[in-house]
Protein backbone atom coordinates (compact mmCIF):
# COMPACT_ATOMS: atom_id res chain seq x y z
CA UNK A 1 0.00 0.00 0.00
CA UNK A 2 1.33 3.40 -0.95
CA UNK A 3 0.62 6.37 1.14
CA UNK A 4 -0.26 9.59 -0.48
CA UNK A 5 -0.03 11.80 2.52
CA UNK A 6 3.58 12.41 3.41
CA UNK A 7 4.54 11.99 7.02
CA UNK A 8 6.00 14.80 8.94
CA UNK A 9 9.84 14.68 9.37
CA UNK A 10 10.79 14.93 13.05
CA UNK A 11 12.49 18.23 13.94
CA UNK A 12 15.80 18.17 15.85
CA UNK A 13 15.69 20.03 19.15
CA UNK A 14 16.93 23.58 19.04
CA UNK A 15 19.60 23.06 21.75
CA UNK A 16 21.12 20.25 19.65
CA UNK A 17 21.46 22.62 16.68
CA UNK A 18 23.08 25.28 18.86
CA UNK A 19 25.47 22.67 20.26
CA UNK A 20 26.42 21.57 16.76
CA UNK A 21 27.27 25.12 15.64
CA UNK A 22 29.24 25.86 18.82
CA UNK A 23 31.24 22.64 18.32
CA UNK A 24 31.87 23.57 14.71
CA UNK A 25 33.15 27.04 15.69
CA UNK A 26 35.44 25.50 18.36
CA UNK A 27 36.81 23.08 15.76
CA UNK A 28 37.60 25.95 13.38
CA UNK A 29 39.34 27.95 16.14
CA UNK A 30 41.33 24.88 17.22
CA UNK A 31 42.61 24.24 13.71
CA UNK A 32 43.45 27.92 13.21
CA UNK A 33 45.17 28.04 16.63
CA UNK A 34 47.24 24.98 15.77
CA UNK A 35 48.62 26.63 12.63
CA UNK A 36 49.12 30.03 14.29
CA UNK A 37 51.00 28.55 17.29
CA UNK A 38 53.07 26.29 15.02
CA UNK A 39 54.11 29.29 12.93
CA UNK A 40 54.91 31.30 16.06
CA UNK A 41 57.02 28.43 17.44
CA UNK A 42 59.05 28.23 14.23
CA UNK A 43 59.65 31.98 14.33
CA UNK A 44 60.80 31.79 17.97
CA UNK A 45 63.19 28.94 17.18
CA UNK A 46 64.71 30.96 14.30
CA UNK A 47 65.11 33.97 16.60
CA UNK A 48 66.78 31.78 19.24
CA UNK A 49 69.22 30.33 16.70
CA UNK A 50 70.08 33.84 15.46
CA UNK A 51 70.74 34.98 19.04
CA UNK A 52 73.00 31.99 19.69
CA UNK A 53 74.97 32.73 16.53
CA UNK A 54 75.35 36.40 17.44
CA UNK A 55 76.55 35.45 20.95
CA UNK A 56 79.11 33.04 19.53
CA UNK A 57 80.33 35.68 17.08
CA UNK A 58 80.78 38.14 19.95
CA UNK A 59 83.00 35.69 21.89
CA UNK A 60 86.64 36.47 21.33
CA UNK A 61 89.45 34.30 22.75
CA UNK A 62 90.27 37.09 25.22
CA UNK A 63 86.69 37.18 26.49
CA UNK A 64 86.62 33.38 26.86
CA UNK A 65 89.91 33.41 28.80
CA UNK A 66 88.68 36.27 31.00
CA UNK A 67 85.42 34.44 31.69
CA UNK A 68 87.32 31.29 32.73
CA UNK A 69 89.56 33.35 35.01
CA UNK A 70 86.55 35.04 36.62
CA UNK A 71 84.88 31.67 37.18
CA UNK A 72 88.04 30.30 38.83
CA UNK A 73 88.17 33.34 41.17
CA UNK A 74 84.49 32.90 41.93
CA UNK A 75 85.12 29.26 42.92
CA UNK A 76 88.06 30.28 45.14
CA UNK A 77 85.92 32.91 46.88
CA UNK A 78 83.16 30.37 47.47
CA UNK A 79 85.64 27.84 48.91
CA UNK A 80 87.20 30.51 51.15
CA UNK A 81 83.74 31.58 52.36
CA UNK A 82 83.04 28.01 53.47
CA UNK A 83 86.34 27.91 55.37
CA UNK A 84 85.66 31.26 57.07
CA UNK A 85 82.16 30.21 58.14
CA UNK A 86 83.46 27.00 59.71
CA UNK A 87 86.42 28.71 61.40
CA UNK A 88 86.45 28.51 65.17
CA UNK A 89 87.38 31.69 67.01
CA UNK A 90 89.52 30.20 69.76
CA UNK A 91 90.89 33.59 70.82
CA UNK A 92 87.54 34.27 72.50
CA UNK A 93 88.42 31.69 75.15
CA UNK A 94 91.04 33.94 76.83
CA UNK A 95 88.66 36.79 77.75
CA UNK A 96 86.15 34.14 78.84
CA UNK A 97 88.65 32.52 81.24
CA UNK A 98 89.66 35.94 82.53
CA UNK A 99 86.00 36.74 83.23
CA UNK A 100 85.33 33.51 85.16
CA UNK A 101 88.57 33.42 87.18
CA UNK A 102 88.49 33.91 90.92
CA UNK A 103 90.80 36.79 92.01
CA UNK A 104 92.76 34.51 94.35
CA UNK A 105 93.28 31.70 91.79
CA UNK A 106 96.24 31.63 89.36
CA UNK A 107 96.19 29.41 86.31
CA UNK A 108 99.65 28.17 85.38
CA UNK A 109 98.85 25.82 82.52
CA UNK A 110 96.23 25.91 79.81
CA UNK A 111 95.37 23.24 77.24
CA UNK A 112 92.57 23.90 74.73
CA UNK A 113 91.00 21.21 72.58
CA UNK A 114 88.67 23.11 70.23
CA UNK A 115 87.61 19.92 68.51
CA UNK A 116 86.13 18.53 71.74
CA UNK A 117 85.17 21.96 73.15
CA UNK A 118 87.23 21.30 76.26
CA UNK A 119 89.89 23.05 78.33
CA UNK A 120 92.29 21.58 80.84
CA UNK A 121 93.55 24.12 83.39
CA UNK A 122 96.27 23.70 85.99
CA UNK A 123 96.40 26.28 88.73
CA UNK A 124 97.14 27.36 92.26
CA UNK A 125 94.58 28.51 94.84
CA UNK A 126 95.30 30.05 98.25
CA UNK A 127 92.97 27.65 100.04
CA UNK A 128 90.43 24.88 99.60
CA UNK A 129 87.71 27.48 100.18
CA UNK A 130 89.03 29.58 97.26
CA UNK A 131 89.21 26.48 95.05
CA UNK A 132 85.62 25.61 95.97
CA UNK A 133 84.49 29.14 95.13
CA UNK A 134 86.28 28.89 91.77
CA UNK A 135 84.52 25.62 90.99
CA UNK A 136 81.14 27.15 91.94
CA UNK A 137 81.83 30.13 89.65
CA UNK A 138 82.60 27.71 86.81
CA UNK A 139 79.48 25.61 87.44
CA UNK A 140 77.25 28.71 87.48
CA UNK A 141 78.51 29.86 84.05
CA UNK A 142 76.00 29.15 81.24
CA UNK A 143 78.71 28.53 78.63
CA UNK A 144 80.24 25.69 80.66
CA UNK A 145 78.57 22.32 80.39
CA UNK A 146 80.71 20.28 82.80
CA UNK A 147 83.48 20.93 85.35
CA UNK A 148 85.62 18.10 86.70
CA UNK A 149 88.34 18.42 89.34
CA UNK A 150 91.06 16.05 88.09
CA UNK A 151 93.83 16.48 90.70
CA UNK A 152 94.33 18.30 93.99
CA UNK A 153 97.49 18.58 96.09
CA UNK A 154 99.01 20.86 98.73
CA UNK A 155 102.47 22.26 98.08
CA UNK A 156 105.18 23.09 100.69
CA UNK A 157 103.88 26.63 101.18
CA UNK A 158 100.34 25.44 101.93
CA UNK A 159 98.83 26.51 98.60
CA UNK A 160 96.50 24.20 96.69
CA UNK A 161 97.64 22.88 93.28
CA UNK A 162 94.85 21.56 91.09
CA UNK A 163 93.91 20.43 87.58
CA UNK A 164 90.46 21.15 86.16
CA UNK A 165 88.80 19.69 83.10
CA UNK A 166 86.09 21.94 81.63
CA UNK A 167 83.63 21.12 78.83
CA UNK A 168 82.47 24.24 76.99
CA UNK A 169 79.46 24.88 74.80
CA UNK A 170 80.38 25.44 71.16
CA UNK A 171 78.90 28.97 71.12
CA UNK A 172 82.07 30.29 72.80
CA UNK A 173 84.05 29.54 69.64
CA UNK A 174 81.56 31.32 67.36
CA UNK A 175 81.09 34.57 69.24
Foldseek 3Di string as FASTA:
>chain_A
DDDDDDDDDDDDDPVVVVVVVVVVVVVVVVVVVVVVVVVVVVVVVVVVVVVVVVVVVPDDPVNVVVVVVVVVVVVVVVVVVVVVVPAFQPVLVVVVCVVLQDPQKDWDDWDDDLVQQKIKTKIKGAAVVNVVVSVVSQVPDPQWDDKDWDDWDADPVRIIITMMMTHGHSVSRVD
